Amino acid sequence: MKLTLEDYQKAGEEFWPKYWYVAKELGEDAQPEQVLKVMESLAAVAFKQSIGSKVGPFGFNKKPEEEESDA
């Protein structure tokens, strides 16, 4: 698959506001590598916050049905 200029423009509409937000927060001396590393960490936090309680317990963390109905 070949990416077009339009693909880059569309991705840039989402990417650049986030990049400049983080760069501004880090200050004038922030290097691009630092900005990108913080963006990656911030994205992980934002993702966890966005899923919040949308994903219920599963696997070994799931409570037995009796305990769930007591609450």
Protein backbone atom coordinates (compact mmCIF):
# COMPACT_ATOMS: atom_id res chain seq x y z
CA MET A 1 0.00 0.00 0.00
CA LYS A 2 1.29 3.41 -0.94
CA LEU A 3 0.51 6.46 1.19
CA THR A 4 -0.58 9.55 -0.69
CA LEU A 5 -0.13 13.21 0.14
CA GLU A 6 -3.81 13.28 1.07
CA ASP A 7 -3.20 10.47 3.58
CA TYR A 8 -0.44 12.53 5.18
CA GLN A 9 -2.61 15.65 5.25
CA LYS A 10 -5.46 13.80 6.92
CA ALA A 11 -3.13 12.27 9.51
CA GLY A 12 -1.51 15.65 10.08
CA GLU A 13 -4.84 17.22 10.95
CA GLU A 14 -4.95 14.92 13.98
CA PHE A 15 -1.22 14.71 14.73
CA TRP A 16 0.00 18.32 14.66
CA PRO A 17 -2.37 19.86 17.23
CA LYS A 18 -1.33 17.12 19.66
CA TYR A 19 2.35 17.59 18.87
CA TRP A 20 2.25 21.36 19.37
CA TYR A 21 0.23 20.98 22.58
CA VAL A 22 2.90 18.72 24.10
CA ALA A 23 5.75 20.86 22.75
CA LYS A 24 4.20 23.95 24.36
CA GLU A 25 3.79 22.14 27.67
CA LEU A 26 7.44 21.00 27.62
CA GLY A 27 8.76 24.48 26.81
CA GLU A 28 10.94 26.12 24.19
CA ASP A 29 13.95 23.88 24.72
CA ALA A 30 12.08 20.63 24.10
CA GLN A 31 13.61 18.44 21.41
CA PRO A 32 11.38 16.63 18.89
CA GLU A 33 12.43 13.27 20.36
CA GLN A 34 11.28 14.41 23.80
CA VAL A 35 7.96 15.65 22.44
CA LEU A 36 7.31 12.35 20.66
CA LYS A 37 8.20 10.31 23.75
CA VAL A 38 5.82 12.35 25.94
CA MET A 39 3.12 12.07 23.26
CA GLU A 40 3.44 8.30 23.39
CA SER A 41 3.13 8.24 27.19
CA LEU A 42 0.27 10.72 27.15
CA ALA A 43 -1.57 8.65 24.54
CA ALA A 44 -1.36 5.60 26.80
CA VAL A 45 -2.85 7.56 29.71
CA ALA A 46 -5.55 9.09 27.50
CA PHE A 47 -6.46 5.66 26.14
CA LYS A 48 -6.79 4.20 29.63
CA GLN A 49 -8.99 7.12 30.66
CA SER A 50 -11.14 6.84 27.56
CA ILE A 51 -11.97 3.19 28.13
CA GLY A 52 -12.62 3.84 31.83
CA SER A 53 -15.41 1.57 32.96
CA LYS A 54 -16.36 0.53 29.43
CA VAL A 55 -14.39 -2.69 29.86
CA GLY A 56 -15.56 -4.88 32.68
CA PRO A 57 -13.58 -7.34 34.71
CA PHE A 58 -12.57 -10.50 32.94
CA GLY A 59 -10.48 -13.60 33.56
CA PHE A 60 -9.30 -14.09 37.12
CA ASN A 61 -10.39 -10.56 38.07
CA LYS A 62 -14.06 -11.26 37.43
CA LYS A 63 -16.16 -11.55 40.58
CA PRO A 64 -18.50 -14.51 41.03
CA GLU A 65 -22.12 -13.66 40.25
CA GLU A 66 -23.18 -13.83 43.92
CA GLU A 67 -20.73 -11.09 44.87
CA GLU A 68 -21.81 -8.86 41.98
CA SER A 69 -25.50 -8.99 42.99
CA ASP A 70 -24.71 -8.06 46.63
CA ALA A 71 -23.46 -4.59 45.65
